[in-house]
Protein backbone atom coordinates (compact mmCIF):
# COMPACT_ATOMS: atom_id res chain seq x y z
CA PHE A 1 17.50 -7.56 32.87
CA ASN A 2 16.71 -4.60 30.61
CA PRO A 3 15.75 -0.90 30.90
CA ALA A 4 12.07 -1.86 31.25
CA SER A 5 12.59 -4.59 33.85
CA ILE A 6 9.96 -3.07 36.17
CA PHE A 7 7.31 -4.34 33.73
CA PHE A 8 8.90 -7.79 33.67
CA THR A 9 8.93 -8.18 37.47
CA VAL A 10 5.41 -7.01 38.39
CA ALA A 11 2.06 -8.64 37.58
CA TYR A 12 2.08 -7.60 33.94
CA SER A 13 1.78 -9.47 30.63
CA GLU A 14 5.14 -8.24 29.31
CA SER A 15 7.21 -11.13 30.67
CA LEU A 16 4.92 -13.85 29.26
CA PHE A 17 4.71 -12.06 25.92
CA CYS A 18 8.50 -11.70 25.83
CA ALA A 19 9.02 -15.39 26.64
CA MET A 20 6.67 -16.53 23.86
CA THR A 21 8.08 -14.07 21.31
CA PHE A 22 11.71 -14.91 22.00
CA ALA A 23 10.89 -18.63 21.92
CA GLY A 24 9.46 -18.11 18.44
CA HIS A 25 12.57 -16.27 17.25
CA TYR A 26 14.78 -18.99 18.73
CA VAL A 27 12.90 -21.78 16.98
CA MET A 28 12.91 -19.76 13.76
CA LEU A 29 16.71 -19.56 13.97
CA ARG A 30 16.70 -23.35 14.37
CA ASN A 31 14.27 -23.96 11.53
CA ASP A 32 16.59 -26.59 10.10
CA ILE A 33 15.24 -28.78 12.90
CA TRP A 34 11.70 -27.56 13.64
CA TRP A 35 10.49 -25.97 10.42
CA GLY A 36 7.00 -24.55 10.89
CA PHE A 37 6.93 -25.12 14.64
CA GLU A 38 8.03 -21.54 15.33
CA VAL A 39 4.54 -20.19 14.63
CA LEU A 40 3.15 -21.76 17.83
CA PRO A 41 4.98 -19.47 20.31
CA PHE A 42 4.11 -16.48 18.13
CA ILE A 43 0.41 -17.43 18.25
CA ALA A 44 0.63 -17.60 22.05
CA ALA A 45 2.30 -14.17 22.05
CA SER A 46 -0.58 -12.70 20.00
CA PHE A 47 -3.05 -14.08 22.53
CA THR A 48 -1.04 -12.27 25.23
CA ARG A 49 -0.57 -8.77 23.74
CA SER A 50 -1.77 -6.96 20.62
CA ASN A 51 1.75 -6.05 19.50
CA GLY A 52 2.18 -9.75 18.80
CA SER A 53 1.03 -8.72 15.33
CA LEU A 54 4.62 -7.52 14.74
CA ASN A 55 5.65 -11.16 14.70
CA ILE A 56 4.26 -11.54 11.20
CA ILE A 57 7.31 -9.65 9.89
CA PRO A 58 9.76 -12.61 9.93
CA PHE A 59 7.28 -14.72 7.95
CA ILE A 60 6.69 -11.96 5.42
CA VAL A 61 10.46 -11.63 4.98
CA ARG A 62 10.90 -15.38 4.70
CA GLY A 63 8.03 -15.70 2.24
CA LEU A 64 9.30 -12.90 0.01
CA GLY A 65 12.84 -14.22 0.23
CA GLY A 66 11.74 -17.69 -0.76
CA ALA A 67 9.72 -16.32 -3.66
CA LEU A 68 12.74 -14.33 -4.89
CA THR A 69 15.10 -17.32 -4.71
CA PHE A 70 15.46 -19.40 -7.86
CA PRO A 71 17.23 -22.74 -7.29
CA HIS A 72 19.40 -24.09 -10.08
CA GLY A 73 19.02 -27.50 -11.69
CA HIS A 74 15.24 -27.81 -11.34
CA SER A 75 12.40 -27.72 -13.84
CA LYS A 76 10.11 -24.74 -14.17
CA SER A 77 7.18 -26.74 -12.81
CA TYR A 78 9.18 -27.70 -9.70
CA ILE A 79 10.23 -24.08 -9.10
CA LEU A 80 6.63 -22.90 -9.52
CA ARG A 81 5.31 -25.51 -7.07
CA ASN A 82 8.11 -24.59 -4.66
CA LYS A 83 7.27 -20.87 -4.80
CA ILE A 84 3.56 -21.49 -4.31
CA GLY A 85 4.29 -23.77 -1.35
CA ILE A 86 6.57 -21.18 0.28
CA LEU A 87 4.04 -18.38 -0.16
CA ILE A 88 1.12 -20.48 1.12
CA SER A 89 3.00 -21.79 4.16
CA ASN A 90 4.21 -18.34 5.24
CA ALA A 91 0.84 -16.72 4.49
CA THR A 92 -0.74 -19.39 6.71
CA CYS A 93 1.67 -18.48 9.51
CA VAL A 94 0.78 -14.79 9.12
CA PHE A 95 -2.91 -15.65 9.29
CA LEU A 96 -2.47 -17.81 12.41
CA ILE A 97 -0.52 -15.06 14.21
CA LEU A 98 -3.19 -12.45 13.41
CA LEU A 99 -6.05 -14.81 14.26
CA PRO A 100 -5.91 -14.22 18.08
CA ILE A 101 -6.27 -10.48 17.52
CA TYR A 102 -9.32 -11.06 15.33
CA ILE A 103 -10.77 -13.42 17.97
CA HIS A 104 -10.29 -10.72 20.61
CA ASP A 105 -12.05 -8.11 18.49
CA HIS A 106 -14.84 -10.51 17.53
CA PHE A 107 -15.45 -11.36 21.19
CA GLY A 108 -15.62 -7.66 22.03
CA TYR A 109 -18.14 -6.94 19.28
CA THR A 110 -20.24 -9.96 20.25
CA LYS A 111 -20.30 -8.95 23.90
CA HIS A 112 -20.93 -5.22 23.48
CA CYS A 113 -22.71 -4.85 20.14
CA ASN A 114 -25.12 -7.80 20.08
CA ASN A 115 -28.62 -6.48 20.85
CA ASN A 116 -29.63 -9.83 22.34
CA ILE A 117 -26.80 -9.78 24.92
CA ARG A 118 -26.08 -6.20 25.98
CA GLN A 119 -28.40 -4.26 28.29
CA TYR A 120 -27.06 -0.77 27.56
CA GLU A 121 -26.60 1.58 24.63
CA ALA A 122 -24.18 0.27 22.04
CA PRO A 123 -20.73 1.95 21.97
CA GLN A 124 -19.82 4.11 18.98
CA TRP A 125 -17.45 1.55 17.55
CA CYS A 126 -20.33 -0.91 17.02
CA SER A 127 -21.46 0.85 13.84
CA GLY A 128 -20.21 2.85 10.91
CA GLU A 129 -16.61 2.83 9.76
CA ASN A 130 -15.44 1.73 13.22
CA ARG A 131 -17.26 -1.59 12.77
CA ILE A 132 -14.76 -2.88 10.26
CA SER A 133 -11.68 -1.94 12.27
CA SER A 134 -10.26 -3.07 15.60
CA PHE A 135 -12.30 -1.82 18.55
CA TYR A 136 -9.06 -1.77 20.54
CA GLY A 137 -7.63 0.48 17.83
CA TYR A 138 -10.70 2.69 18.14
CA VAL A 139 -10.18 3.03 21.89
CA GLN A 140 -6.52 3.92 21.28
CA ARG A 141 -7.43 6.61 18.77
CA LYS A 142 -10.41 7.99 20.71
CA HIS A 143 -9.13 8.00 24.28
CA TRP A 144 -5.33 7.73 24.00
CA ASN A 145 -4.84 9.91 20.90
CA VAL A 146 -2.77 7.22 19.18
CA GLY A 147 -2.01 8.00 15.53
CA LEU A 148 0.57 9.33 13.11
CA PHE A 149 2.35 12.34 14.70
CA ASN A 150 -0.48 12.74 17.25
CA TYR A 151 2.02 12.62 20.09
CA TRP A 152 4.41 15.13 18.55
CA GLU A 153 3.72 18.02 20.91
CA ILE A 154 6.07 20.32 22.79
CA LYS A 155 4.67 19.20 26.13
CA GLN A 156 5.62 15.60 25.30
CA LEU A 157 9.30 16.43 24.77
CA PRO A 158 10.32 14.79 28.11
CA GLN A 159 8.72 11.56 26.91
CA PHE A 160 10.77 11.67 23.71
CA LEU A 161 13.91 12.19 25.77
CA LEU A 162 12.90 9.22 27.92
CA ALA A 163 12.60 7.04 24.81
CA SER A 164 15.68 8.42 23.06
CA PRO A 165 18.10 5.66 24.20
CA ILE A 166 15.92 2.81 22.93
CA LEU A 167 15.11 4.67 19.70
CA THR A 168 18.83 5.26 19.16
CA CYS A 169 19.52 1.55 19.66
CA GLY A 170 16.73 0.60 17.27
CA PHE A 171 17.81 2.86 14.44
CA VAL A 172 21.55 2.26 14.95
CA GLY A 173 20.89 -1.49 14.95
CA GLY A 174 18.99 -1.17 11.69
CA TYR A 175 21.74 0.96 10.14
CA LEU A 176 24.47 -1.47 11.16
CA TRP A 177 22.55 -4.41 9.75
CA ILE A 178 22.01 -2.58 6.44
CA LYS A 179 25.70 -1.71 6.29
CA ARG A 180 26.82 -5.31 6.94
CA SER A 181 24.36 -6.65 4.42
CA TYR A 182 25.33 -4.16 1.72
CA ASP A 183 29.06 -4.70 2.31
CA GLN A 184 28.61 -8.44 1.93
CA PHE A 185 26.50 -7.85 -1.19
CA GLU A 186 29.31 -5.85 -2.79
CA ASN A 187 31.93 -8.44 -1.80
CA GLU A 188 30.00 -11.49 -3.01
CA ALA A 189 27.77 -10.29 -5.81
CA GLY A 190 30.32 -8.08 -7.58
CA ASP A 191 27.54 -5.89 -8.96
CA THR A 192 29.13 -3.24 -11.18
CA THR A 193 25.86 -1.57 -12.18
CA LYS A 194 26.26 2.20 -12.00
CA ASN A 195 22.53 2.89 -11.76
CA VAL A 196 21.86 3.57 -8.08
CA LEU A 197 18.24 2.38 -8.20
CA ALA A 198 19.20 -0.84 -9.97
CA ARG A 199 21.92 -1.58 -7.41
CA PHE A 200 19.44 -0.92 -4.61
CA VAL A 201 16.92 -3.36 -6.12
CA HIS A 202 19.66 -5.99 -6.57
CA TRP A 203 20.73 -5.56 -2.96
CA VAL A 204 17.14 -5.88 -1.67
CA ILE A 205 16.69 -9.15 -3.59
CA TYR A 206 20.08 -10.35 -2.32
CA ALA A 207 19.18 -9.46 1.29
CA PHE A 208 15.86 -11.31 1.15
CA HIS A 209 17.57 -14.30 -0.46
CA LYS A 210 20.27 -14.44 2.20
CA SER A 211 17.81 -14.26 5.07
CA ALA A 212 15.28 -16.73 3.66
CA ASN A 213 17.56 -19.38 2.18
CA LEU A 214 18.34 -22.01 4.80
CA GLN A 215 21.57 -23.17 3.14
CA GLU A 216 22.91 -19.62 3.07
CA ARG A 217 22.04 -19.09 6.75
CA LEU A 218 23.72 -22.32 7.82
CA LYS A 219 26.78 -21.56 5.68
CA TYR A 220 27.17 -18.15 7.33
CA GLU A 221 26.76 -19.71 10.76
CA LYS A 222 29.41 -22.34 10.00
CA ASP A 223 31.90 -19.86 8.54
CA ASN A 224 31.82 -17.51 11.57
CA ALA A 225 33.61 -18.25 14.81
CA THR A 226 31.03 -16.89 17.24
CA ASP A 227 27.25 -17.02 17.53
CA ILE A 228 27.07 -13.26 17.99
CA ASP A 229 28.59 -12.77 14.51
CA TYR A 230 25.73 -14.74 13.05
CA LEU A 231 23.06 -13.03 15.15
CA LYS A 232 24.12 -9.56 14.03
CA GLY A 233 25.03 -10.63 10.49
CA PRO A 234 23.41 -10.09 7.07
CA ASN A 235 21.30 -13.25 7.41
CA ALA A 236 19.28 -11.90 10.35
CA LEU A 237 16.98 -9.59 8.36
CA PRO A 238 13.71 -11.04 9.81
CA HIS A 239 14.82 -10.15 13.33
CA TYR A 240 16.28 -6.70 12.65
CA ALA A 241 13.21 -5.82 10.58
CA VAL A 242 11.12 -6.29 13.74
CA LEU A 243 13.53 -4.02 15.65
CA MET A 244 13.35 -1.27 13.03
CA LEU A 245 9.57 -1.38 12.60
CA SER A 246 9.00 -1.38 16.38
CA SER A 247 11.17 1.72 16.68
CA ILE A 248 9.35 3.46 13.83
CA ILE A 249 5.94 2.68 15.37
CA GLY A 250 7.10 3.95 18.74
CA LEU A 251 8.47 7.18 17.26
CA LEU A 252 5.66 8.05 14.86
CA PHE A 253 2.44 6.42 16.05
CA ALA A 254 2.40 5.29 19.69
CA HIS A 255 2.91 7.09 22.98
CA VAL A 256 6.65 7.29 22.56
CA GLN A 257 7.48 6.40 26.18
CA ILE A 258 6.15 2.85 25.69
CA THR A 259 8.82 2.20 23.06
CA THR A 260 11.31 1.01 25.70
CA ARG A 261 9.17 -1.84 26.99
CA MET A 262 7.70 -2.60 23.56
CA VAL A 263 11.12 -3.05 21.97
CA CYS A 264 12.56 -4.88 24.99
CA SER A 265 9.74 -7.43 24.93
CA THR A 266 9.47 -7.81 21.15
CA CYS A 267 12.95 -7.59 19.65
CA PRO A 268 15.70 -10.11 20.48
CA ALA A 269 17.89 -8.26 17.97
CA LEU A 270 18.18 -5.43 20.53
CA TYR A 271 19.98 -7.76 22.94
CA TRP A 272 22.20 -9.14 20.18
CA LEU A 273 23.22 -5.60 19.27
CA LEU A 274 24.03 -4.61 22.88
CA SER A 275 25.75 -7.92 23.62
CA SER A 276 28.05 -7.48 20.65
CA HIS A 277 29.31 -4.22 22.18
CA LEU A 278 29.69 -5.73 25.66
CA LEU A 279 31.50 -8.82 24.38
CA HIS A 280 33.85 -6.64 22.34
CA LEU A 281 35.69 -5.78 25.56
CA LYS A 282 36.61 -9.44 26.02
CA GLU A 283 38.54 -9.62 22.76
CA PRO A 284 42.37 -9.78 22.87
CA LYS A 285 43.98 -6.36 23.07
CA SER A 286 45.82 -6.98 19.80
CA VAL A 287 42.59 -6.72 17.82
CA LYS A 288 41.15 -3.73 19.68
CA LYS A 289 41.42 -0.49 17.77
CA ASN A 290 39.22 1.64 19.98
CA ARG A 291 39.40 0.21 23.49
CA ASN A 292 38.56 3.51 25.17
CA LYS A 293 35.51 3.89 22.94
CA SER A 294 34.44 0.35 23.85
CA ILE A 295 34.80 1.04 27.57
CA THR A 296 32.68 4.18 27.20
CA MET A 297 30.01 2.20 25.36
CA TYR A 298 30.13 -0.45 28.08
CA GLY A 299 29.52 2.19 30.75
CA LEU A 300 26.68 3.81 28.80
CA ILE A 301 24.85 0.53 28.29
CA TRP A 302 25.07 -0.58 31.92
CA GLY A 303 24.37 2.92 33.18
CA TRP A 304 21.23 3.10 31.04
CA PHE A 305 20.02 -0.29 32.27
CA CYS A 306 20.62 0.47 35.95
CA LEU A 307 19.28 4.04 35.89
CA TYR A 308 16.04 3.07 34.15
CA ASN A 309 15.49 0.18 36.55
CA LEU A 310 15.90 2.50 39.51
CA LEU A 311 13.66 5.21 38.07
CA GLY A 312 11.12 2.61 36.97
CA ALA A 313 10.85 1.15 40.46
CA ILE A 314 10.18 4.65 41.83
CA MET A 315 7.94 6.15 39.15
CA HIS A 316 5.84 3.22 37.94
CA VAL A 317 4.51 2.27 41.38
CA ASN A 318 3.59 5.93 42.04
CA TRP A 319 1.55 6.24 38.82
CA LEU A 320 4.07 8.62 37.27
CA PRO A 321 4.77 8.56 33.51
CA TRP A 322 7.13 5.76 32.70
CA THR A 323 7.95 3.45 29.84
């Protein structure tokens, strides 16, 4: 149940894509048990929808984090072999996730651009600069006007208003994660460097280390009383990075109204963020500082979900602009 549920209940690929993507994130969170297995659901997600390419982000984060982590008590040759192994394994996962998209494009070029197969004039994207890029991307640019700021027109203002709740959640979620991560960095690292740029670089390295290092992730999970603390905590960078980048793509590049269903089907961190606000109402009154604020947030979240489901059921089936 989410604001884009109309796309998850009709004959559409969103539900299958969401199931595969969330399965991959779940297995990645359990990588102490199934290390490397998480790439399989992500591959299936890329075969389902093109935005499965966003699932490379957790592996890029994990690879960089592993490369920036230097274990103590080991020889230089062991550390070097370890870094190379981490980079190769995560680069392989990135390649496997992107492979279905390449296969799709290759099949399209073979079917429509091969002179021995086609019986009509070759499309424009068969030659020139379009040949080296995605033909699906070409169709998006040519016929859907997809591109940086291409959708930023006065007449599209209602679409931006339609997407404003999900964009707000995406950027607020990213801000809250950054704040938690930086607060923990200051508490644990004790960095007294006055240079702002140097502190920022130290925090970035710290954040990658925390999110990529398995022992750190398990320690944080053990030291916190609830799962939701872990899922919205500083160690969840790979998942909140997907949320932030999806929101940025929706705001700057895509038709902004699709951001709701794109984020809802791609980003489990969205549900962790909203659940943390809903579960806050169940805490004992003695620890609630802003109960009225929490009740208001509770009403806004459920009102948003219900209203968009109702409007979606009316507008989508009548070919009206929707998410």
